[in-house]
Amino acid sequence: MAIKVEILGSGCARCKQTAKIMEIASKELGIEADIVKVEDINEIIERGVISTPAVAINGKIVLSGKIPSLDEAKKLLKT
């Protein structure tokens, strides 16, 4: 079963970079991940995100306000 990875942000370059890193990390780990971009500012605010890009895995915010390194992305996916 695939895990759901959401990238929350306005769709800026930082958000796109974060999505790419999460995609690479999931492929390298052999984890099936559905990567979804959430660009609706109201939804982002409702979920308590103050700074973007943010990453949510299976609905839980696990990173906010920075682009993860590839190693950080892999650690987030493993937990």
C-alpha atoms as a PDB file:
ATOM      1  CA  MET A   1       0.000   0.000   0.000  1.00  0.00           C
ATOM      2  CA  ALA A   2       1.309   3.432  -0.954  1.00  0.00           C
ATOM      3  CA  ILE A   3       1.914   6.095   1.643  1.00  0.00           C
ATOM      4  CA  LYS A   4       0.463   9.542   1.018  1.00  0.00           C
ATOM      5  CA  VAL A   5       3.026  12.338   0.877  1.00  0.00           C
ATOM      6  CA  GLU A   6       1.637  15.856   0.631  1.00  0.00           C
ATOM      7  CA  ILE A   7       3.732  18.888  -0.244  1.00  0.00           C
ATOM      8  CA  LEU A   8       2.008  21.984   1.162  1.00  0.00           C
ATOM      9  CA  GLY A   9       2.915  25.308  -0.385  1.00  0.00           C
ATOM     10  CA  SER A  10       2.078  27.867  -3.043  1.00  0.00           C
ATOM     11  CA  GLY A  11       3.691  25.909  -5.860  1.00  0.00           C
ATOM     12  CA  CYS A  12       6.889  27.960  -5.716  1.00  0.00           C
ATOM     13  CA  ALA A  13      10.330  26.668  -6.726  1.00  0.00           C
ATOM     14  CA  ARG A  14      11.056  25.588  -3.120  1.00  0.00           C
ATOM     15  CA  CYS A  15       7.861  23.518  -3.060  1.00  0.00           C
ATOM     16  CA  LYS A  16       8.696  21.889  -6.393  1.00  0.00           C
ATOM     17  CA  GLN A  17      12.214  21.081  -5.142  1.00  0.00           C
ATOM     18  CA  THR A  18      10.759  19.515  -1.988  1.00  0.00           C
ATOM     19  CA  ALA A  19       8.382  17.364  -4.071  1.00  0.00           C
ATOM     20  CA  LYS A  20      11.271  16.208  -6.280  1.00  0.00           C
ATOM     21  CA  ILE A  21      13.429  15.273  -3.270  1.00  0.00           C
ATOM     22  CA  MET A  22      10.587  13.312  -1.669  1.00  0.00           C
ATOM     23  CA  GLU A  23      10.021  11.504  -4.986  1.00  0.00           C
ATOM     24  CA  ILE A  24      13.712  10.582  -5.317  1.00  0.00           C
ATOM     25  CA  ALA A  25      13.869   9.420  -1.683  1.00  0.00           C
ATOM     26  CA  SER A  26      10.828   7.170  -2.055  1.00  0.00           C
ATOM     27  CA  LYS A  27      12.232   5.611  -5.244  1.00  0.00           C
ATOM     28  CA  GLU A  28      15.648   5.001  -3.661  1.00  0.00           C
ATOM     29  CA  LEU A  29      14.016   3.361  -0.630  1.00  0.00           C
ATOM     30  CA  GLY A  30      11.648   1.321  -2.790  1.00  0.00           C
ATOM     31  CA  ILE A  31       8.657   2.866  -1.009  1.00  0.00           C
ATOM     32  CA  GLU A  32       5.492   3.356  -3.031  1.00  0.00           C
ATOM     33  CA  ALA A  33       4.397   6.935  -2.397  1.00  0.00           C
ATOM     34  CA  ASP A  34       1.570   9.040  -3.792  1.00  0.00           C
ATOM     35  CA  ILE A  35       3.022  12.535  -3.887  1.00  0.00           C
ATOM     36  CA  VAL A  36       0.329  15.208  -3.884  1.00  0.00           C
ATOM     37  CA  LYS A  37       0.764  18.975  -4.010  1.00  0.00           C
ATOM     38  CA  VAL A  38      -1.548  21.004  -1.773  1.00  0.00           C
ATOM     39  CA  GLU A  39      -1.596  24.606  -3.002  1.00  0.00           C
ATOM     40  CA  ASP A  40      -4.881  25.825  -1.472  1.00  0.00           C
ATOM     41  CA  ILE A  41      -3.733  28.473   1.015  1.00  0.00           C
ATOM     42  CA  ASN A  42      -6.857  28.050   3.154  1.00  0.00           C
ATOM     43  CA  GLU A  43      -6.247  24.323   3.532  1.00  0.00           C
ATOM     44  CA  ILE A  44      -2.582  24.947   4.350  1.00  0.00           C
ATOM     45  CA  ILE A  45      -3.564  27.434   7.093  1.00  0.00           C
ATOM     46  CA  GLU A  46      -6.295  25.114   8.440  1.00  0.00           C
ATOM     47  CA  ARG A  47      -3.681  22.397   8.854  1.00  0.00           C
ATOM     48  CA  GLY A  48      -1.577  24.688  11.036  1.00  0.00           C
ATOM     49  CA  VAL A  49       1.286  25.273   8.611  1.00  0.00           C
ATOM     50  CA  ILE A  50       2.925  28.636   9.199  1.00  0.00           C
ATOM     51  CA  SER A  51       5.895  28.388   6.843  1.00  0.00           C
ATOM     52  CA  THR A  52       6.210  26.510   3.588  1.00  0.00           C
ATOM     53  CA  PRO A  53       7.229  24.265   2.046  1.00  0.00           C
ATOM     54  CA  ALA A  54       5.778  21.699   4.415  1.00  0.00           C
ATOM     55  CA  VAL A  55       5.573  17.925   4.121  1.00  0.00           C
ATOM     56  CA  ALA A  56       2.774  15.743   5.476  1.00  0.00           C
ATOM     57  CA  ILE A  57       2.997  11.954   5.496  1.00  0.00           C
ATOM     58  CA  ASN A  58      -0.310  10.108   5.820  1.00  0.00           C
ATOM     59  CA  GLY A  59      -1.937  13.343   7.014  1.00  0.00           C
ATOM     60  CA  LYS A  60       0.645  14.278   9.670  1.00  0.00           C
ATOM     61  CA  ILE A  61       2.858  17.349   9.200  1.00  0.00           C
ATOM     62  CA  VAL A  62       6.446  16.122   9.575  1.00  0.00           C
ATOM     63  CA  LEU A  63       8.432  19.061   8.196  1.00  0.00           C
ATOM     64  CA  SER A  64       7.744  22.762   7.778  1.00  0.00           C
ATOM     65  CA  GLY A  65       9.622  25.797   6.522  1.00  0.00           C
ATOM     66  CA  LYS A  66      12.526  24.135   4.754  1.00  0.00           C
ATOM     67  CA  ILE A  67      13.572  21.943   1.870  1.00  0.00           C
ATOM     68  CA  PRO A  68      14.686  18.552   3.193  1.00  0.00           C
ATOM     69  CA  SER A  69      17.998  17.028   2.182  1.00  0.00           C
ATOM     70  CA  LEU A  70      17.757  13.626   0.516  1.00  0.00           C
ATOM     71  CA  ASP A  71      18.841  11.967   3.781  1.00  0.00           C
ATOM     72  CA  GLU A  72      16.223  13.899   5.772  1.00  0.00           C
ATOM     73  CA  ALA A  73      13.549  12.910   3.237  1.00  0.00           C
ATOM     74  CA  LYS A  74      14.500   9.241   3.579  1.00  0.00           C
ATOM     75  CA  LYS A  75      14.319   9.438   7.392  1.00  0.00           C
ATOM     76  CA  LEU A  76      10.865  11.039   7.186  1.00  0.00           C
ATOM     77  CA  LEU A  77       9.628   8.302   4.850  1.00  0.00           C
ATOM     78  CA  LYS A  78      10.960   5.519   7.093  1.00  0.00           C
ATOM     79  CA  THR A  79       9.094   6.695  10.206  1.00  0.00           C
END
